[in-house]
C-alpha atoms as a PDB file:
ATOM      1  CA  MET A   1     -18.323 -14.388 -16.189  1.00  0.00           C
ATOM      2  CA  SER A   2     -17.129 -13.793 -12.625  1.00  0.00           C
ATOM      3  CA  TRP A   3     -18.768 -11.411 -10.210  1.00  0.00           C
ATOM      4  CA  LEU A   4     -15.629 -11.411  -8.032  1.00  0.00           C
ATOM      5  CA  SER A   5     -11.876 -11.799  -8.560  1.00  0.00           C
ATOM      6  CA  ILE A   6      -9.751 -12.550  -5.484  1.00  0.00           C
ATOM      7  CA  LEU A   7      -6.154 -11.532  -6.201  1.00  0.00           C
ATOM      8  CA  VAL A   8      -3.355 -13.152  -4.193  1.00  0.00           C
ATOM      9  CA  PRO A   9       0.254 -12.030  -4.818  1.00  0.00           C
ATOM     10  CA  VAL A  10       2.861 -14.569  -3.694  1.00  0.00           C
ATOM     11  CA  TYR A  11       6.491 -14.066  -2.730  1.00  0.00           C
ATOM     12  CA  ASN A  12       8.344 -16.395  -0.358  1.00  0.00           C
ATOM     13  CA  VAL A  13       5.324 -17.358   1.743  1.00  0.00           C
ATOM     14  CA  GLU A  14       5.499 -21.148   1.497  1.00  0.00           C
ATOM     15  CA  PRO A  15       4.711 -21.730   5.205  1.00  0.00           C
ATOM     16  CA  TYR A  16       1.478 -19.692   5.001  1.00  0.00           C
ATOM     17  CA  LEU A  17       0.205 -20.084   1.449  1.00  0.00           C
ATOM     18  CA  GLU A  18      -1.855 -23.262   1.736  1.00  0.00           C
ATOM     19  CA  GLU A  19      -3.756 -21.915   4.737  1.00  0.00           C
ATOM     20  CA  CYS A  20      -4.440 -18.656   2.918  1.00  0.00           C
ATOM     21  CA  LEU A  21      -5.724 -20.250  -0.277  1.00  0.00           C
ATOM     22  CA  GLY A  22      -7.592 -22.935   1.627  1.00  0.00           C
ATOM     23  CA  SER A  23      -9.551 -20.262   3.488  1.00  0.00           C
ATOM     24  CA  VAL A  24     -10.796 -19.021   0.115  1.00  0.00           C
ATOM     25  CA  ILE A  25     -11.378 -22.429  -1.472  1.00  0.00           C
ATOM     26  CA  ALA A  26     -13.581 -23.455   1.465  1.00  0.00           C
ATOM     27  CA  GLN A  27     -15.934 -20.559   0.688  1.00  0.00           C
ATOM     28  CA  LEU A  28     -16.138 -20.730  -3.094  1.00  0.00           C
ATOM     29  CA  PRO A  29     -19.763 -21.189  -4.178  1.00  0.00           C
ATOM     30  CA  ALA A  30     -20.592 -24.409  -6.012  1.00  0.00           C
ATOM     31  CA  GLU A  31     -22.132 -22.467  -8.885  1.00  0.00           C
ATOM     32  CA  GLY A  32     -18.868 -20.634  -9.546  1.00  0.00           C
ATOM     33  CA  GLY A  33     -18.652 -16.939 -10.272  1.00  0.00           C
ATOM     34  CA  VAL A  34     -15.495 -16.306  -8.215  1.00  0.00           C
ATOM     35  CA  GLN A  35     -12.083 -16.131  -9.856  1.00  0.00           C
ATOM     36  CA  LEU A  36      -9.141 -16.983  -7.583  1.00  0.00           C
ATOM     37  CA  LEU A  37      -6.044 -15.554  -9.242  1.00  0.00           C
ATOM     38  CA  VAL A  38      -2.646 -16.320  -7.710  1.00  0.00           C
ATOM     39  CA  LEU A  39       0.592 -14.785  -8.991  1.00  0.00           C
ATOM     40  CA  ASP A  40       4.099 -15.873  -8.044  1.00  0.00           C
ATOM     41  CA  ASP A  41       6.505 -12.928  -8.124  1.00  0.00           C
ATOM     42  CA  ARG A  42       9.535 -15.184  -8.662  1.00  0.00           C
ATOM     43  CA  SER A  43       9.745 -16.617  -5.164  1.00  0.00           C
ATOM     44  CA  THR A  44      13.072 -18.091  -4.123  1.00  0.00           C
ATOM     45  CA  ASP A  45      11.543 -20.646  -1.745  1.00  0.00           C
ATOM     46  CA  GLY A  46       9.075 -23.419  -2.588  1.00  0.00           C
ATOM     47  CA  SER A  47       6.049 -21.187  -3.093  1.00  0.00           C
ATOM     48  CA  TRP A  48       5.768 -21.764  -6.859  1.00  0.00           C
ATOM     49  CA  ALA A  49       6.018 -25.542  -6.535  1.00  0.00           C
ATOM     50  CA  LEU A  50       3.387 -25.454  -3.787  1.00  0.00           C
ATOM     51  CA  MET A  51       1.103 -23.349  -5.974  1.00  0.00           C
ATOM     52  CA  GLN A  52       1.333 -25.970  -8.715  1.00  0.00           C
ATOM     53  CA  ARG A  53       0.544 -28.806  -6.295  1.00  0.00           C
ATOM     54  CA  LEU A  54      -2.431 -26.939  -4.881  1.00  0.00           C
ATOM     55  CA  ALA A  55      -3.706 -26.173  -8.389  1.00  0.00           C
ATOM     56  CA  GLY A  56      -3.681 -29.905  -9.047  1.00  0.00           C
ATOM     57  CA  ARG A  57      -5.469 -30.681  -5.790  1.00  0.00           C
ATOM     58  CA  TRP A  58      -8.086 -27.980  -6.325  1.00  0.00           C
ATOM     59  CA  ALA A  59      -8.512 -28.567 -10.036  1.00  0.00           C
ATOM     60  CA  GLY A  60     -10.218 -25.706 -11.813  1.00  0.00           C
ATOM     61  CA  ARG A  61     -10.294 -23.507  -8.707  1.00  0.00           C
ATOM     62  CA  LEU A  62      -6.939 -21.707  -8.986  1.00  0.00           C
ATOM     63  CA  GLU A  63      -5.634 -19.639 -11.892  1.00  0.00           C
ATOM     64  CA  LEU A  64      -1.859 -19.372 -11.716  1.00  0.00           C
ATOM     65  CA  LEU A  65       0.348 -16.604 -13.065  1.00  0.00           C
ATOM     66  CA  ARG A  66       4.091 -16.081 -12.732  1.00  0.00           C
ATOM     67  CA  HIS A  67       6.303 -13.079 -13.339  1.00  0.00           C
ATOM     68  CA  GLU A  68       9.462 -13.504 -15.373  1.00  0.00           C
ATOM     69  CA  HIS A  69      11.317 -11.321 -12.876  1.00  0.00           C
ATOM     70  CA  ASN A  70      10.616 -10.169  -9.341  1.00  0.00           C
ATOM     71  CA  GLY A  71       8.770  -6.867  -9.475  1.00  0.00           C
ATOM     72  CA  GLY A  72       7.475  -6.356  -5.940  1.00  0.00           C
ATOM     73  CA  LEU A  73       3.998  -6.255  -4.446  1.00  0.00           C
ATOM     74  CA  SER A  74       2.722  -3.328  -6.521  1.00  0.00           C
ATOM     75  CA  ALA A  75       3.825  -4.892  -9.807  1.00  0.00           C
ATOM     76  CA  ALA A  76       2.215  -8.206  -8.843  1.00  0.00           C
ATOM     77  CA  ARG A  77      -1.091  -6.551  -8.005  1.00  0.00           C
ATOM     78  CA  ASN A  78      -1.004  -4.506 -11.196  1.00  0.00           C
ATOM     79  CA  THR A  79      -0.510  -7.625 -13.319  1.00  0.00           C
ATOM     80  CA  MET A  80      -3.470  -9.284 -11.621  1.00  0.00           C
ATOM     81  CA  ILE A  81      -5.699  -6.237 -12.087  1.00  0.00           C
ATOM     82  CA  ASP A  82      -5.073  -6.519 -15.816  1.00  0.00           C
ATOM     83  CA  ALA A  83      -5.763 -10.277 -15.773  1.00  0.00           C
ATOM     84  CA  ALA A  84      -8.879 -10.168 -13.584  1.00  0.00           C
ATOM     85  CA  THR A  85     -12.308 -10.848 -15.082  1.00  0.00           C
ATOM     86  CA  GLY A  86     -14.576 -10.237 -12.084  1.00  0.00           C
ATOM     87  CA  ASP A  87     -16.821  -7.238 -11.637  1.00  0.00           C
ATOM     88  CA  TYR A  88     -15.264  -6.723  -8.200  1.00  0.00           C
ATOM     89  CA  LEU A  89     -11.645  -7.036  -7.042  1.00  0.00           C
ATOM     90  CA  TRP A  90     -10.557  -8.240  -3.612  1.00  0.00           C
ATOM     91  CA  PHE A  91      -6.831  -8.118  -2.815  1.00  0.00           C
ATOM     92  CA  LEU A  92      -5.730 -10.718  -0.275  1.00  0.00           C
ATOM     93  CA  ASP A  93      -2.176 -11.001   1.030  1.00  0.00           C
ATOM     94  CA  SER A  94      -0.805 -14.524   0.823  1.00  0.00           C
ATOM     95  CA  ASP A  95       0.016 -14.814   4.522  1.00  0.00           C
ATOM     96  CA  ASP A  96      -3.478 -13.732   5.621  1.00  0.00           C
ATOM     97  CA  ARG A  97      -6.778 -15.583   5.342  1.00  0.00           C
ATOM     98  CA  LEU A  98     -10.461 -14.979   4.745  1.00  0.00           C
ATOM     99  CA  LEU A  99     -12.658 -15.613   7.759  1.00  0.00           C
ATOM    100  CA  PRO A 100     -15.678 -17.923   7.375  1.00  0.00           C
ATOM    101  CA  GLY A 101     -18.690 -16.319   5.729  1.00  0.00           C
ATOM    102  CA  ALA A 102     -16.719 -13.500   4.108  1.00  0.00           C
ATOM    103  CA  ILE A 103     -17.571 -14.299   0.483  1.00  0.00           C
ATOM    104  CA  ALA A 104     -21.216 -15.033   1.273  1.00  0.00           C
ATOM    105  CA  GLY A 105     -21.492 -11.786   3.210  1.00  0.00           C
ATOM    106  CA  LEU A 106     -19.975  -9.823   0.352  1.00  0.00           C
ATOM    107  CA  ARG A 107     -22.262 -11.535  -2.172  1.00  0.00           C
ATOM    108  CA  ALA A 108     -25.363 -10.565  -0.185  1.00  0.00           C
ATOM    109  CA  ILE A 109     -24.294  -6.905  -0.128  1.00  0.00           C
ATOM    110  CA  VAL A 110     -23.476  -6.866  -3.833  1.00  0.00           C
ATOM    111  CA  GLN A 111     -26.813  -8.458  -4.744  1.00  0.00           C
ATOM    112  CA  ALA A 112     -28.812  -6.087  -2.544  1.00  0.00           C
ATOM    113  CA  HIS A 113     -26.991  -2.788  -3.152  1.00  0.00           C
ATOM    114  CA  ALA A 114     -24.328  -3.114  -5.904  1.00  0.00           C
ATOM    115  CA  PRO A 115     -21.999  -0.509  -4.308  1.00  0.00           C
ATOM    116  CA  ASP A 116     -18.786   0.597  -5.970  1.00  0.00           C
ATOM    117  CA  VAL A 117     -16.819  -0.125  -2.785  1.00  0.00           C
ATOM    118  CA  VAL A 118     -17.441  -2.488   0.131  1.00  0.00           C
ATOM    119  CA  LEU A 119     -15.378  -2.005   3.307  1.00  0.00           C
ATOM    120  CA  CYS A 120     -14.985  -4.686   5.952  1.00  0.00           C
ATOM    121  CA  ASP A 121     -13.333  -5.016   9.339  1.00  0.00           C
ATOM    122  CA  PHE A 122     -10.534  -7.408  10.261  1.00  0.00           C
ATOM    123  CA  GLN A 123      -8.811  -9.166  13.118  1.00  0.00           C
ATOM    124  CA  VAL A 124      -5.113  -9.208  13.914  1.00  0.00           C
ATOM    125  CA  TRP A 125      -3.786 -12.756  13.722  1.00  0.00           C
ATOM    126  CA  ARG A 126      -0.859 -13.598  15.998  1.00  0.00           C
ATOM    127  CA  GLU A 127       0.805 -16.889  16.806  1.00  0.00           C
ATOM    128  CA  ARG A 128       0.656 -16.007  20.494  1.00  0.00           C
ATOM    129  CA  VAL A 129      -2.220 -13.811  21.643  1.00  0.00           C
ATOM    130  CA  ARG A 130      -1.416 -11.998  24.874  1.00  0.00           C
ATOM    131  CA  LEU A 131      -3.686 -10.095  27.226  1.00  0.00           C
ATOM    132  CA  GLN A 132      -2.361  -6.768  25.930  1.00  0.00           C
ATOM    133  CA  HIS A 133      -3.467  -7.732  22.404  1.00  0.00           C
ATOM    134  CA  ARG A 134      -6.977  -8.518  23.609  1.00  0.00           C
ATOM    135  CA  LEU A 135      -7.145  -5.243  25.513  1.00  0.00           C
ATOM    136  CA  ARG A 136      -6.162  -3.408  22.313  1.00  0.00           C
ATOM    137  CA  GLY A 137      -9.169  -4.958  20.572  1.00  0.00           C
ATOM    138  CA  GLU A 138      -7.145  -6.889  18.015  1.00  0.00           C
ATOM    139  CA  GLY A 139      -9.925  -9.474  17.714  1.00  0.00           C
ATOM    140  CA  HIS A 140     -11.999  -6.885  15.854  1.00  0.00           C
ATOM    141  CA  ARG A 141     -10.370  -3.853  14.263  1.00  0.00           C
ATOM    142  CA  HIS A 142     -12.482  -1.285  12.446  1.00  0.00           C
ATOM    143  CA  SER A 143     -11.434  -0.099   9.005  1.00  0.00           C
ATOM    144  CA  PHE A 144     -13.943   2.770   8.732  1.00  0.00           C
ATOM    145  CA  GLU A 145     -15.345   5.499  10.956  1.00  0.00           C
ATOM    146  CA  GLY A 146     -18.914   6.283   9.971  1.00  0.00           C
ATOM    147  CA  PRO A 147     -22.356   4.804   9.290  1.00  0.00           C
ATOM    148  CA  ALA A 148     -22.533   1.038   8.841  1.00  0.00           C
ATOM    149  CA  ARG A 149     -24.729  -1.287   6.784  1.00  0.00           C
ATOM    150  CA  ARG A 150     -26.111   1.511   4.624  1.00  0.00           C
ATOM    151  CA  LEU A 151     -25.577   2.379   0.983  1.00  0.00           C
ATOM    152  CA  LEU A 152     -24.004   5.844   0.866  1.00  0.00           C
ATOM    153  CA  HIS A 153     -22.974   8.137  -1.975  1.00  0.00           C
ATOM    154  CA  ASP A 154     -20.711  10.775  -0.409  1.00  0.00           C
ATOM    155  CA  ARG A 155     -17.064  10.465  -1.540  1.00  0.00           C
ATOM    156  CA  GLY A 156     -15.938  12.906   1.109  1.00  0.00           C
ATOM    157  CA  GLN A 157     -17.545  10.785   3.800  1.00  0.00           C
ATOM    158  CA  LEU A 158     -15.904   7.654   2.389  1.00  0.00           C
ATOM    159  CA  LEU A 159     -12.456   9.242   2.384  1.00  0.00           C
ATOM    160  CA  ALA A 160     -12.878  10.796   5.823  1.00  0.00           C
ATOM    161  CA  GLY A 161     -13.989   7.493   7.328  1.00  0.00           C
ATOM    162  CA  MET A 162     -11.014   5.652   5.842  1.00  0.00           C
ATOM    163  CA  LEU A 163      -8.458   8.270   6.810  1.00  0.00           C
ATOM    164  CA  MET A 164      -9.622   8.685  10.398  1.00  0.00           C
ATOM    165  CA  THR A 165      -9.039   5.014  11.205  1.00  0.00           C
ATOM    166  CA  GLY A 166      -5.779   4.960   9.233  1.00  0.00           C
ATOM    167  CA  GLU A 167      -6.608   1.445   8.030  1.00  0.00           C
ATOM    168  CA  LEU A 168      -5.852   2.087   4.364  1.00  0.00           C
ATOM    169  CA  HIS A 169      -4.819  -1.446   3.405  1.00  0.00           C
ATOM    170  CA  ALA A 170      -6.123  -2.864   0.148  1.00  0.00           C
ATOM    171  CA  TRP A 171      -7.446  -6.129   1.585  1.00  0.00           C
ATOM    172  CA  SER A 172     -10.200  -4.493   3.673  1.00  0.00           C
ATOM    173  CA  LYS A 173     -11.750  -2.824   0.620  1.00  0.00           C
ATOM    174  CA  VAL A 174     -13.519  -4.635  -2.221  1.00  0.00           C
ATOM    175  CA  SER A 175     -13.871  -2.419  -5.270  1.00  0.00           C
ATOM    176  CA  ARG A 176     -15.417  -2.501  -8.717  1.00  0.00           C
ATOM    177  CA  ARG A 177     -12.839  -3.395 -11.339  1.00  0.00           C
ATOM    178  CA  ALA A 178     -14.121  -0.475 -13.424  1.00  0.00           C
ATOM    179  CA  LEU A 179     -12.746   1.973 -10.832  1.00  0.00           C
ATOM    180  CA  TRP A 180      -9.211   0.918 -11.749  1.00  0.00           C
ATOM    181  CA  GLY A 181      -9.631   1.693 -15.456  1.00  0.00           C
ATOM    182  CA  GLY A 182      -7.465   0.312 -18.217  1.00  0.00           C
ATOM    183  CA  ALA A 183      -3.722   0.196 -18.539  1.00  0.00           C
ATOM    184  CA  GLY A 184      -3.589   3.670 -20.122  1.00  0.00           C
ATOM    185  CA  ALA A 185      -3.181   7.108 -18.616  1.00  0.00           C
ATOM    186  CA  ASP A 186      -6.652   7.048 -17.022  1.00  0.00           C
ATOM    187  CA  GLY A 187      -5.947   3.791 -15.205  1.00  0.00           C
ATOM    188  CA  LEU A 188      -5.190   3.573 -11.496  1.00  0.00           C
ATOM    189  CA  ARG A 189      -2.388   1.258 -10.460  1.00  0.00           C
ATOM    190  CA  PHE A 190      -0.149   0.687  -7.438  1.00  0.00           C
ATOM    191  CA  PRO A 191       3.189   2.575  -7.519  1.00  0.00           C
ATOM    192  CA  VAL A 192       5.938   0.128  -8.450  1.00  0.00           C
ATOM    193  CA  GLY A 193       9.078   0.257  -6.333  1.00  0.00           C
ATOM    194  CA  ARG A 194       7.472   2.233  -3.494  1.00  0.00           C
ATOM    195  CA  TYR A 195       6.621   1.317   0.070  1.00  0.00           C
ATOM    196  CA  PHE A 196       3.277   2.234   1.678  1.00  0.00           C
ATOM    197  CA  GLU A 197       1.647   1.549  -1.672  1.00  0.00           C
ATOM    198  CA  ASP A 198      -1.795   1.020  -0.116  1.00  0.00           C
ATOM    199  CA  MET A 199      -1.747   4.450   1.543  1.00  0.00           C
ATOM    200  CA  ALA A 200      -0.851   6.024  -1.788  1.00  0.00           C
ATOM    201  CA  THR A 201      -3.431   4.118  -3.845  1.00  0.00           C
ATOM    202  CA  MET A 202      -6.583   3.170  -1.956  1.00  0.00           C
ATOM    203  CA  PRO A 203      -7.729   6.763  -1.226  1.00  0.00           C
ATOM    204  CA  LEU A 204      -7.393   7.510  -4.952  1.00  0.00           C
ATOM    205  CA  MET A 205      -9.575   4.493  -5.690  1.00  0.00           C
ATOM    206  CA  ALA A 206     -12.160   5.754  -3.185  1.00  0.00           C
ATOM    207  CA  LEU A 207     -12.168   9.142  -4.864  1.00  0.00           C
ATOM    208  CA  ARG A 208     -13.470   7.425  -8.021  1.00  0.00           C
ATOM    209  CA  ALA A 209     -16.341   5.664  -6.246  1.00  0.00           C
ATOM    210  CA  ARG A 210     -19.932   6.841  -6.497  1.00  0.00           C
ATOM    211  CA  SER A 211     -21.281   4.618  -3.720  1.00  0.00           C
ATOM    212  CA  PHE A 212     -20.010   2.548  -0.827  1.00  0.00           C
ATOM    213  CA  PHE A 213     -21.169   0.168   1.888  1.00  0.00           C
ATOM    214  CA  TYR A 214     -19.412  -0.473   5.211  1.00  0.00           C
ATOM    215  CA  GLU A 215     -19.892  -3.911   6.764  1.00  0.00           C
ATOM    216  CA  PRO A 216     -18.545  -3.831  10.363  1.00  0.00           C
ATOM    217  CA  SER A 217     -17.744  -7.557  10.451  1.00  0.00           C
ATOM    218  CA  PRO A 218     -14.231  -9.022  10.430  1.00  0.00           C
ATOM    219  CA  TRP A 219     -13.782 -10.719   7.064  1.00  0.00           C
ATOM    220  CA  VAL A 220      -9.966 -10.886   7.001  1.00  0.00           C
ATOM    221  CA  ALA A 221      -7.452 -12.276   9.481  1.00  0.00           C
ATOM    222  CA  TYR A 222      -4.325 -10.134   9.143  1.00  0.00           C
ATOM    223  CA  ARG A 223      -1.204 -12.034  10.144  1.00  0.00           C
ATOM    224  CA  GLN A 224       1.173  -9.930  12.246  1.00  0.00           C
ATOM    225  CA  ARG A 225       4.718 -10.820  11.196  1.00  0.00           C
ATOM    226  CA  GLY A 226       8.057  -9.487  12.381  1.00  0.00           C
ATOM    227  CA  SER A 227       9.079  -8.713   8.783  1.00  0.00           C
ATOM    228  CA  SER A 228       6.317  -6.146   8.210  1.00  0.00           C
ATOM    229  CA  ILE A 229       7.167  -2.721   6.784  1.00  0.00           C
ATOM    230  CA  LEU A 230       6.690  -0.930  10.101  1.00  0.00           C
ATOM    231  CA  ALA A 231       8.708  -3.536  11.992  1.00  0.00           C
ATOM    232  CA  THR A 232      11.683  -3.136   9.629  1.00  0.00           C
ATOM    233  CA  MET A 233      11.701   0.622   9.067  1.00  0.00           C
ATOM    234  CA  SER A 234      14.423   2.283   6.972  1.00  0.00           C
ATOM    235  CA  THR A 235      15.070   5.741   5.565  1.00  0.00           C
ATOM    236  CA  PRO A 236      13.606   4.905   2.090  1.00  0.00           C
ATOM    237  CA  LYS A 237      10.500   3.511   3.793  1.00  0.00           C
ATOM    238  CA  ALA A 238      10.207   6.599   5.995  1.00  0.00           C
ATOM    239  CA  LEU A 239      10.366   8.876   2.957  1.00  0.00           C
ATOM    240  CA  ASP A 240       7.731   6.846   1.117  1.00  0.00           C
ATOM    241  CA  GLN A 241       5.481   6.909   4.177  1.00  0.00           C
ATOM    242  CA  SER A 242       5.851  10.672   4.459  1.00  0.00           C
ATOM    243  CA  ALA A 243       4.989  11.222   0.782  1.00  0.00           C
ATOM    244  CA  ALA A 244       2.246   8.598   0.413  1.00  0.00           C
ATOM    245  CA  LEU A 245      -0.669  11.039   0.746  1.00  0.00           C
ATOM    246  CA  LEU A 246       0.687  13.638  -1.676  1.00  0.00           C
ATOM    247  CA  PRO A 247      -1.115  12.108  -4.729  1.00  0.00           C
ATOM    248  CA  LEU A 248      -4.431  12.306  -2.861  1.00  0.00           C
ATOM    249  CA  ALA A 249      -3.793  15.903  -1.811  1.00  0.00           C
ATOM    250  CA  ARG A 250      -3.096  16.841  -5.437  1.00  0.00           C
ATOM    251  CA  ALA A 251      -6.180  14.972  -6.669  1.00  0.00           C
ATOM    252  CA  LEU A 252      -8.406  16.791  -4.170  1.00  0.00           C
ATOM    253  CA  GLN A 253      -7.326  20.277  -5.186  1.00  0.00           C
ATOM    254  CA  GLY A 254     -10.351  22.218  -6.416  1.00  0.00           C
ATOM    255  CA  ARG A 255     -12.805  19.426  -5.632  1.00  0.00           C
ATOM    256  CA  PRO A 256     -15.886  20.089  -3.478  1.00  0.00           C
ATOM    257  CA  GLU A 257     -15.092  17.188  -1.145  1.00  0.00           C
ATOM    258  CA  LEU A 258     -12.130  19.100   0.279  1.00  0.00           C
ATOM    259  CA  ARG A 259     -14.504  21.737   1.652  1.00  0.00           C
ATOM    260  CA  GLN A 260     -15.983  19.192   4.064  1.00  0.00           C
ATOM    261  CA  PRO A 261     -14.614  19.815   7.587  1.00  0.00           C
ATOM    262  CA  ALA A 262     -14.597  16.095   8.413  1.00  0.00           C
ATOM    263  CA  LEU A 263     -12.428  15.278   5.408  1.00  0.00           C
ATOM    264  CA  ARG A 264     -10.066  18.180   6.062  1.00  0.00           C
ATOM    265  CA  LEU A 265      -9.507  17.001   9.629  1.00  0.00           C
ATOM    266  CA  ALA A 266      -9.165  13.335   8.611  1.00  0.00           C
ATOM    267  CA  LEU A 267      -6.609  14.070   5.902  1.00  0.00           C
ATOM    268  CA  ALA A 268      -4.621  16.332   8.219  1.00  0.00           C
ATOM    269  CA  HIS A 269      -4.748  13.698  10.953  1.00  0.00           C
ATOM    270  CA  GLN A 270      -3.505  10.936   8.654  1.00  0.00           C
ATOM    271  CA  ALA A 271      -0.753  13.220   7.323  1.00  0.00           C
ATOM    272  CA  ALA A 272       0.272  13.797  10.952  1.00  0.00           C
ATOM    273  CA  ARG A 273       0.396  10.055  11.582  1.00  0.00           C
ATOM    274  CA  ALA A 274       2.573   9.577   8.507  1.00  0.00           C
ATOM    275  CA  LEU A 275       4.919  12.329   9.648  1.00  0.00           C
ATOM    276  CA  THR A 276       5.118  10.858  13.162  1.00  0.00           C
ATOM    277  CA  GLY A 277       6.025   7.385  11.914  1.00  0.00           C
ATOM    278  CA  ALA A 278       8.641   8.700   9.502  1.00  0.00           C
ATOM    279  CA  MET A 279      10.113  11.244  11.918  1.00  0.00           C
ATOM    280  CA  ARG A 280      10.498   8.625  14.634  1.00  0.00           C
ATOM    281  CA  HIS A 281      12.824   6.654  12.360  1.00  0.00           C
ATOM    282  CA  VAL A 282      14.794   9.701  11.223  1.00  0.00           C
ATOM    283  CA  CYS A 283      15.375  10.797  14.816  1.00  0.00           C
ATOM    284  CA  GLN A 284      16.330   7.353  16.062  1.00  0.00           C
ATOM    285  CA  CYS A 285      18.488   6.022  13.232  1.00  0.00           C
ATOM    286  CA  PRO A 286      22.227   5.854  14.074  1.00  0.00           C
ATOM    287  CA  PRO A 287      24.500   8.645  12.766  1.00  0.00           C
ATOM    288  CA  GLY A 288      25.706   7.962   9.255  1.00  0.00           C
ATOM    289  CA  ASP A 289      22.739   5.707   8.356  1.00  0.00           C
ATOM    290  CA  ALA A 290      20.649   8.474   6.809  1.00  0.00           C
ATOM    291  CA  GLN A 291      21.373  10.201   3.518  1.00  0.00           C
ATOM    292  CA  PRO A 292      21.067  13.142   3.324  1.00  0.00           C
ATOM    293  CA  ARG A 293      21.691  14.448   6.852  1.00  0.00           C
ATOM    294  CA  PRO A 294      18.959  13.734   9.431  1.00  0.00           C
ATOM    295  CA  SER A 295      18.197  17.444   9.831  1.00  0.00           C
ATOM    296  CA  ALA A 296      17.564  17.767   6.089  1.00  0.00           C
ATOM    297  CA  LEU A 297      15.402  14.625   6.131  1.00  0.00           C
ATOM    298  CA  ALA A 298      13.356  15.997   9.018  1.00  0.00           C
ATOM    299  CA  GLU A 299      12.692  19.218   7.133  1.00  0.00           C
ATOM    300  CA  ARG A 300      11.601  17.209   4.099  1.00  0.00           C
ATOM    301  CA  LEU A 301       9.107  15.308   6.253  1.00  0.00           C
ATOM    302  CA  ARG A 302       7.696  18.593   7.535  1.00  0.00           C
ATOM    303  CA  GLN A 303       7.363  19.839   3.965  1.00  0.00           C
ATOM    304  CA  ASP A 304       5.506  16.673   2.999  1.00  0.00           C
ATOM    305  CA  PHE A 305       3.073  17.235   5.856  1.00  0.00           C
ATOM    306  CA  ARG A 306       2.398  20.810   4.791  1.00  0.00           C
ATOM    307  CA  ALA A 307       1.828  19.686   1.197  1.00  0.00           C
ATOM    308  CA  ALA A 308      -0.516  16.830   2.133  1.00  0.00           C
ATOM    309  CA  SER A 309      -2.482  18.421   4.974  1.00  0.00           C
ATOM    310  CA  PRO A 310      -5.295  20.920   4.326  1.00  0.00           C
ATOM    311  CA  LEU A 311      -4.696  22.219   7.862  1.00  0.00           C
ATOM    312  CA  SER A 312      -1.550  23.943   9.058  1.00  0.00           C
ATOM    313  CA  PRO A 313       0.253  22.455  12.077  1.00  0.00           C
ATOM    314  CA  GLU A 314      -1.271  25.152  14.267  1.00  0.00           C
ATOM    315  CA  GLU A 315      -4.784  24.534  12.907  1.00  0.00           C
ATOM    316  CA  LEU A 316      -4.480  20.790  13.455  1.00  0.00           C
ATOM    317  CA  ALA A 317      -3.220  21.303  17.007  1.00  0.00           C
ATOM    318  CA  ARG A 318      -6.241  23.519  17.735  1.00  0.00           C
ATOM    319  CA  ALA A 319      -8.585  20.945  16.164  1.00  0.00           C
ATOM    320  CA  TYR A 320      -7.131  18.266  18.432  1.00  0.00           C
ATOM    321  CA  LEU A 321      -7.583  20.556  21.416  1.00  0.00           C
ATOM    322  CA  ARG A 322     -11.251  21.288  20.599  1.00  0.00           C
ATOM    323  CA  ARG A 323     -11.971  17.560  20.546  1.00  0.00           C
ATOM    324  CA  GLY A 324     -10.127  16.862  23.751  1.00  0.00           C
ATOM    325  CA  TRP A 325      -7.471  14.806  21.965  1.00  0.00           C
ATOM    326  CA  TRP A 326      -4.682  15.951  24.269  1.00  0.00           C
ATOM    327  CA  LEU A 327      -2.389  13.008  23.706  1.00  0.00           C
ATOM    328  CA  ARG A 328      -2.707  13.205  19.926  1.00  0.00           C
ATOM    329  CA  ARG A 329      -1.946  16.910  20.028  1.00  0.00           C
ATOM    330  CA  ARG A 330       1.074  16.407  22.254  1.00  0.00           C
ATOM    331  CA  LYS A 331       2.451  13.560  20.136  1.00  0.00           C
ATOM    332  CA  PHE A 332       2.002  15.452  16.863  1.00  0.00           C
ATOM    333  CA  LEU A 333       3.654  18.646  18.103  1.00  0.00           C
ATOM    334  CA  ARG A 334       6.509  16.703  19.652  1.00  0.00           C
ATOM    335  CA  TRP A 335       7.415  14.950  16.420  1.00  0.00           C
ATOM    336  CA  PHE A 336       6.650  17.865  14.105  1.00  0.00           C
ATOM    337  CA  HIS A 337       9.183  20.002  15.946  1.00  0.00           C
ATOM    338  CA  ALA A 338      11.650  17.184  16.594  1.00  0.00           C
ATOM    339  CA  MET A 339      15.294  17.952  15.850  1.00  0.00           C
ATOM    340  CA  PRO A 340      17.339  14.829  15.039  1.00  0.00           C
ATOM    341  CA  ALA A 341      20.983  14.613  15.939  1.00  0.00           C
ATOM    342  CA  ALA A 342      23.371  15.769  13.232  1.00  0.00           C
END
């Protein structure tokens, strides 16, 4: 029996994979109890061959899976959820790495508190670290806004703390496997074929949690690559970003958590950030690149905001003003009312 399953999806990451898996192998406890599951999503480089060599070197430490056809990140994670045996699941991207002490730190929290969700901080990992990166605090980025190192039981507080930072990635949240359910209708899985899958899925996972624990220590080094989703934006990605919070908004309807002012503001704020990112692409893409017309796309983004946000644009602007968030207010209003070229 495993208390933890670390799930690593692999697709064309041969230059980074050994460092990623090695960062986990170096921390595996001698007594076992941690399942390291690695799935190749039909890579076209040498990732699969490397996985096999590493499995031979680290005999008994890696469990290898391989898709018959490429299905994308969500499909890979979903397959591993079904194959996992640990009480807790930790998603780790195959170009990132675990920082020293991460597994031991998680184990101590699980033994002492047994929370449904454990949140950790992270550091941005760049090949060349410049002064501007240090000034932005990339050596320690926070994934949660709220009390730390305490066992808490308020779902609204968990969601608000996640949404306010906007750090909704799967790899900074360790969750009980039971929260994901089975493969049936009650199960929670990542949306196959969609971008911004973490934004669409991790808040829904948090909504199922009864307890959580925030550890404000960087446990993951997130590699900043030029091929990231935000660095290679497109119209399909913009639309998925704009709509990513709609499942959460629907799930919250009629629930008491949505009456909490902190959650209402946090959800509205994150919906505004999603609109801003998507609208920036729609307004800047060259004529003829967007289908349908940019003006129609912009209106769709505004509709997505209204559907996802519990606050109207005017209410959110006033909330920003009350908190002295002048720049946030100005940025939101600018992009909400933006009119792209025909």
